[in-house]
Amino acid sequence: MNQPSPEGDATTRRLHACIDETERNNPPGESWYLMCAVTIDVRCDSNKEAMNRLDGIAQRQPADRLNRRGLHANQMARTGTGTRDLFDAEQIIANDTSLHIDIAVKPVRQGQTFEHTRQTCLTQLLTHLDNNVTTIMLDTRDPLDGKTRKPRPGTDPATGRPLVNHHDQHTIIQLQASTRLKKDVDVIWADDTRYHHLWLPDVIAYACGQALANNNPARLARLADQLNIQDTQAKTQPPGTGIADKLEHLRQQATHQTAPRPCD
């Protein structure tokens, strides 16, 4: 359940939780979904400094079609320069000790969908948020002009693809109805090129995904001390056998390793 903050109450601390994800689509039994929630005090000086430094890295990245620059880990990892910038971004995030980072990861079982698995991960993260979180921001999966608080079912007129943000909203409504999530929290779906704090879970989720995909603990060496791995495993599964256990094992190994550079 939601945990109280040891540093104050809701009258003194107004925290934001920013959420993004990564997925790996392998053959059945090997696919998984990983979601990251970063809890942020946006008034904290260390976070302001970190975001300023991340913005400097973002300005070096290629602009998108609207001439906006940002940190998109999947794109950055495709070039040597981008990989170096990505590693620098991870170190900047790791140096901001005001952040609280939670990771939920779950395999996509045969007969399930990524959407079903996403909602399991989202539920796990939202029910473990600090009680002082007043705003939850999710990186949108639907086209947006700015941000929205009330996603709707339907299709994207430009592409004909189904809209999907409303699945998250359904999960949130259910959690609020069961009192597992505060009813007065503000939930927003937004574009990370406009709302830069979404860069944080994007960069972290990608690093965790790469560590899992390559069984490489060194890939977590910059962030390992800050990661809190949430277990989404069914109670019927033997303890220590799930993908969250694997990621936690990699995290523990990473605390004793040196992070690689692009030339390593």
Protein backbone atom coordinates (compact mmCIF):
# COMPACT_ATOMS: atom_id res chain seq x y z
CA MET A 1 0.00 0.00 0.00
CA ASN A 2 0.95 3.68 -0.20
CA GLN A 3 3.84 4.52 2.08
CA PRO A 4 4.11 7.75 4.12
CA SER A 5 7.13 9.92 3.51
CA PRO A 6 9.62 10.17 6.38
CA GLU A 7 10.53 13.75 5.40
CA GLY A 8 7.20 15.51 5.83
CA ASP A 9 3.51 15.38 5.14
CA ALA A 10 1.28 16.44 2.28
CA THR A 11 1.16 20.03 3.58
CA THR A 12 4.91 20.46 3.18
CA ARG A 13 5.85 18.15 0.29
CA ARG A 14 4.07 17.90 -3.04
CA LEU A 15 5.64 15.08 -5.02
CA HIS A 16 5.22 14.11 -8.66
CA ALA A 17 5.47 10.53 -9.95
CA CYS A 18 6.51 10.20 -13.60
CA ILE A 19 6.00 6.84 -15.33
CA ASP A 20 7.34 5.33 -18.53
CA GLU A 21 8.01 1.82 -19.80
CA THR A 22 9.91 -0.48 -22.11
CA GLU A 23 8.99 -3.86 -23.54
CA ARG A 24 10.70 -6.78 -25.24
CA ASN A 25 8.74 -8.79 -27.76
CA ASN A 26 10.43 -12.18 -28.00
CA PRO A 27 8.86 -15.60 -28.59
CA PRO A 28 6.19 -16.62 -26.02
CA GLY A 29 7.70 -17.16 -22.61
CA GLU A 30 10.54 -14.70 -23.26
CA SER A 31 8.58 -11.46 -23.71
CA TRP A 32 8.26 -9.02 -20.82
CA TYR A 33 7.04 -5.56 -19.87
CA LEU A 34 9.02 -3.22 -17.62
CA MET A 35 7.66 0.00 -16.11
CA CYS A 36 9.49 2.67 -14.12
CA ALA A 37 8.03 5.23 -11.70
CA VAL A 38 10.26 8.09 -10.54
CA THR A 39 9.00 10.10 -7.56
CA ILE A 40 10.25 13.68 -7.71
CA ASP A 41 10.19 16.76 -5.53
CA VAL A 42 10.25 19.29 -8.37
CA ARG A 43 11.14 22.08 -5.93
CA CYS A 44 14.29 20.28 -4.79
CA ASP A 45 17.52 22.06 -5.77
CA SER A 46 19.30 18.83 -6.69
CA ASN A 47 16.49 17.93 -9.07
CA LYS A 48 16.49 21.37 -10.66
CA GLU A 49 20.24 21.02 -11.24
CA ALA A 50 19.83 17.51 -12.66
CA MET A 51 17.10 18.64 -15.07
CA ASN A 52 19.22 21.57 -16.24
CA ARG A 53 22.09 19.20 -16.99
CA LEU A 54 19.79 16.74 -18.75
CA ASP A 55 18.41 19.59 -20.84
CA GLY A 56 21.97 20.35 -21.94
CA ILE A 57 22.31 16.76 -23.16
CA ALA A 58 18.90 16.96 -24.86
CA GLN A 59 19.99 20.01 -26.83
CA ARG A 60 22.73 17.90 -28.44
CA GLN A 61 20.24 15.32 -29.74
CA PRO A 62 18.64 15.45 -33.21
CA ALA A 63 15.40 17.44 -33.30
CA ASP A 64 12.08 15.73 -33.95
CA ARG A 65 9.73 16.70 -36.78
CA LEU A 66 8.48 19.67 -34.73
CA ASN A 67 12.04 20.85 -34.08
CA ARG A 68 11.93 19.77 -30.43
CA ARG A 69 14.82 18.08 -28.68
CA GLY A 70 14.65 15.53 -25.91
CA LEU A 71 16.11 12.41 -24.32
CA HIS A 72 14.82 9.26 -25.99
CA ALA A 73 16.96 6.37 -24.79
CA ASN A 74 16.04 3.94 -27.56
CA GLN A 75 17.10 6.44 -30.23
CA MET A 76 20.21 7.63 -28.40
CA ALA A 77 21.54 4.08 -28.03
CA ARG A 78 21.78 3.68 -31.81
CA THR A 79 24.90 5.83 -32.18
CA GLY A 80 28.19 6.06 -30.35
CA THR A 81 27.71 9.73 -29.47
CA GLY A 82 24.14 9.12 -28.34
CA THR A 83 25.21 6.16 -26.21
CA ARG A 84 27.84 8.31 -24.50
CA ASP A 85 25.21 10.97 -23.83
CA LEU A 86 22.82 8.31 -22.53
CA PHE A 87 25.42 7.03 -20.07
CA ASP A 88 26.05 10.62 -18.94
CA ALA A 89 22.30 11.08 -18.44
CA GLU A 90 22.18 7.94 -16.28
CA GLN A 91 24.99 9.30 -14.12
CA ILE A 92 23.24 12.65 -13.70
CA ILE A 93 20.07 10.84 -12.60
CA ALA A 94 22.07 8.65 -10.22
CA ASN A 95 23.64 11.75 -8.64
CA ASP A 96 20.22 13.19 -7.79
CA THR A 97 19.66 11.39 -4.50
CA SER A 98 16.32 13.15 -3.98
CA LEU A 99 14.71 10.77 -6.48
CA HIS A 100 12.87 7.59 -5.51
CA ILE A 101 12.86 4.97 -8.29
CA ASP A 102 10.53 1.96 -8.46
CA ILE A 103 10.64 -0.72 -11.15
CA ALA A 104 7.89 -3.25 -11.94
CA VAL A 105 8.60 -5.99 -14.47
CA LYS A 106 6.48 -8.91 -15.57
CA PRO A 107 6.75 -11.59 -18.28
CA VAL A 108 4.08 -11.71 -20.97
CA ARG A 109 2.69 -15.22 -20.70
CA GLN A 110 1.31 -17.12 -23.65
CA GLY A 111 -2.28 -16.05 -24.23
CA GLN A 112 -1.77 -12.69 -22.50
CA THR A 113 -1.25 -9.29 -24.11
CA PHE A 114 1.24 -6.54 -23.42
CA GLU A 115 -1.71 -4.37 -22.37
CA HIS A 116 -2.79 -6.86 -19.68
CA THR A 117 0.78 -7.06 -18.42
CA ARG A 118 1.16 -3.27 -18.49
CA GLN A 119 -1.84 -2.83 -16.22
CA THR A 120 -0.41 -5.33 -13.73
CA CYS A 121 2.84 -3.34 -13.60
CA LEU A 122 0.98 -0.04 -13.34
CA THR A 123 -1.11 -1.38 -10.45
CA GLN A 124 2.02 -2.50 -8.62
CA LEU A 125 3.68 0.90 -8.97
CA LEU A 126 0.65 3.02 -8.12
CA THR A 127 -0.15 1.09 -4.95
CA HIS A 128 3.39 1.67 -3.66
CA LEU A 129 3.59 5.41 -4.25
CA ASP A 130 4.55 7.83 -1.51
CA ASN A 131 1.39 9.26 0.12
CA ASN A 132 2.61 12.76 -0.65
CA VAL A 133 2.39 12.27 -4.41
CA THR A 134 -0.09 14.82 -5.72
CA THR A 135 0.47 14.37 -9.47
CA ILE A 136 0.98 11.22 -11.54
CA MET A 137 2.25 11.80 -15.06
CA LEU A 138 2.32 8.98 -17.62
CA ASP A 139 4.13 9.17 -20.92
CA THR A 140 1.30 9.12 -23.43
CA ARG A 141 0.88 6.30 -25.91
CA ASP A 142 -1.76 8.24 -27.84
CA PRO A 143 -1.26 11.41 -29.91
CA LEU A 144 -1.75 14.48 -27.71
CA ASP A 145 -1.66 18.22 -28.09
CA GLY A 146 -0.27 19.09 -24.68
CA LYS A 147 -1.74 16.86 -21.97
CA THR A 148 -5.02 15.21 -21.03
CA ARG A 149 -6.76 14.10 -17.84
CA LYS A 150 -9.65 12.22 -19.46
CA PRO A 151 -8.50 9.82 -22.19
CA ARG A 152 -11.26 8.26 -24.27
CA PRO A 153 -11.59 5.01 -26.23
CA GLY A 154 -11.61 5.31 -29.98
CA THR A 155 -9.14 5.51 -32.85
CA ASP A 156 -6.48 7.98 -33.89
CA PRO A 157 -7.93 9.84 -36.92
CA ALA A 158 -4.48 10.17 -38.50
CA THR A 159 -3.51 6.49 -38.37
CA GLY A 160 -6.70 4.56 -37.56
CA ARG A 161 -4.94 2.88 -34.62
CA PRO A 162 -6.91 2.23 -31.41
CA LEU A 163 -6.36 4.70 -28.57
CA VAL A 164 -4.98 3.03 -25.46
CA ASN A 165 -4.49 5.60 -22.66
CA HIS A 166 -8.00 4.85 -21.42
CA HIS A 167 -6.82 1.39 -20.29
CA ASP A 168 -4.55 3.14 -17.76
CA GLN A 169 -7.43 5.32 -16.67
CA HIS A 170 -9.63 2.25 -16.08
CA THR A 171 -6.95 0.75 -13.82
CA ILE A 172 -6.61 4.02 -11.92
CA ILE A 173 -10.37 4.32 -11.38
CA GLN A 174 -10.47 0.76 -10.03
CA LEU A 175 -7.58 1.46 -7.64
CA GLN A 176 -9.25 4.63 -6.39
CA ALA A 177 -12.56 2.84 -5.90
CA SER A 178 -10.82 0.22 -3.75
CA THR A 179 -8.92 2.97 -1.82
CA ARG A 180 -5.58 1.59 -3.01
CA LEU A 181 -4.87 4.97 -4.63
CA LYS A 182 -5.87 8.42 -3.36
CA LYS A 183 -8.90 9.89 -5.12
CA ASP A 184 -7.52 13.44 -5.06
CA VAL A 185 -4.32 12.67 -6.97
CA ASP A 186 -4.07 14.45 -10.33
CA VAL A 187 -3.39 12.02 -13.20
CA ILE A 188 -2.04 13.34 -16.49
CA TRP A 189 -1.00 11.74 -19.78
CA ALA A 190 1.63 13.91 -21.43
CA ASP A 191 4.29 14.14 -24.13
CA ASP A 192 7.88 13.84 -22.90
CA THR A 193 9.11 16.42 -25.40
CA ARG A 194 7.01 18.98 -23.52
CA TYR A 195 7.24 17.61 -19.97
CA HIS A 196 10.89 16.86 -19.44
CA HIS A 197 10.62 15.00 -16.14
CA LEU A 198 9.35 12.06 -18.20
CA TRP A 199 12.92 11.71 -19.47
CA LEU A 200 13.87 10.23 -16.10
CA PRO A 201 11.79 7.01 -16.26
CA ASP A 202 12.55 6.69 -19.99
CA VAL A 203 16.32 6.58 -19.39
CA ILE A 204 16.02 4.31 -16.33
CA ALA A 205 13.59 1.85 -17.91
CA TYR A 206 15.84 1.49 -20.95
CA ALA A 207 18.90 0.72 -18.80
CA CYS A 208 16.98 -1.91 -16.84
CA GLY A 209 15.62 -3.42 -20.04
CA GLN A 210 19.10 -3.66 -21.55
CA ALA A 211 20.47 -5.28 -18.41
CA LEU A 212 17.73 -7.92 -18.53
CA ALA A 213 17.93 -8.51 -22.26
CA ASN A 214 21.69 -9.03 -22.21
CA ASN A 215 22.01 -10.49 -18.70
CA ASN A 216 24.47 -7.67 -18.06
CA PRO A 217 24.70 -6.34 -14.48
CA ALA A 218 27.26 -3.72 -15.51
CA ARG A 219 24.51 -1.97 -17.47
CA LEU A 220 22.93 -1.07 -14.11
CA ALA A 221 26.10 0.04 -12.38
CA ARG A 222 25.26 3.76 -12.51
CA LEU A 223 21.75 3.38 -11.12
CA ALA A 224 21.85 0.22 -9.01
CA ASP A 225 21.88 1.90 -5.60
CA GLN A 226 18.65 3.79 -6.33
CA LEU A 227 16.52 1.04 -7.90
CA ASN A 228 13.66 -0.53 -5.95
CA ILE A 229 12.45 -3.65 -7.76
CA GLN A 230 8.76 -4.42 -7.20
CA ASP A 231 7.68 -8.06 -7.45
CA THR A 232 4.65 -8.65 -9.70
CA GLN A 233 4.99 -12.43 -9.55
CA ALA A 234 1.91 -14.52 -8.84
CA LYS A 235 1.81 -16.05 -5.37
CA THR A 236 1.67 -19.51 -6.95
CA GLN A 237 5.16 -19.12 -8.43
CA PRO A 238 8.16 -20.36 -6.41
CA PRO A 239 10.03 -17.49 -4.73
CA GLY A 240 13.25 -16.45 -6.40
CA THR A 241 12.24 -17.67 -9.86
CA GLY A 242 10.58 -14.61 -11.41
CA ILE A 243 11.89 -11.96 -13.78
CA ALA A 244 11.82 -9.39 -10.97
CA ASP A 245 14.12 -11.70 -9.02
CA LYS A 246 16.46 -11.82 -12.01
CA LEU A 247 16.53 -8.03 -12.25
CA GLU A 248 17.14 -7.73 -8.50
CA HIS A 249 20.02 -10.20 -8.79
CA LEU A 250 21.51 -8.13 -11.61
CA ARG A 251 21.06 -5.01 -9.51
CA GLN A 252 22.89 -6.56 -6.58
CA GLN A 253 25.72 -7.71 -8.84
CA ALA A 254 25.90 -4.21 -10.34
CA THR A 255 26.64 -2.62 -6.97
CA HIS A 256 30.09 -4.25 -7.15
CA GLN A 257 30.82 -3.45 -10.80
CA THR A 258 32.08 -0.47 -12.77
CA ALA A 259 29.75 1.02 -15.35
CA PRO A 260 30.97 0.52 -18.94
CA ARG A 261 31.75 3.33 -21.33
CA PRO A 262 30.87 3.15 -25.07
CA CYS A 263 34.41 2.10 -25.94
CA ASP A 264 34.42 -0.81 -23.47
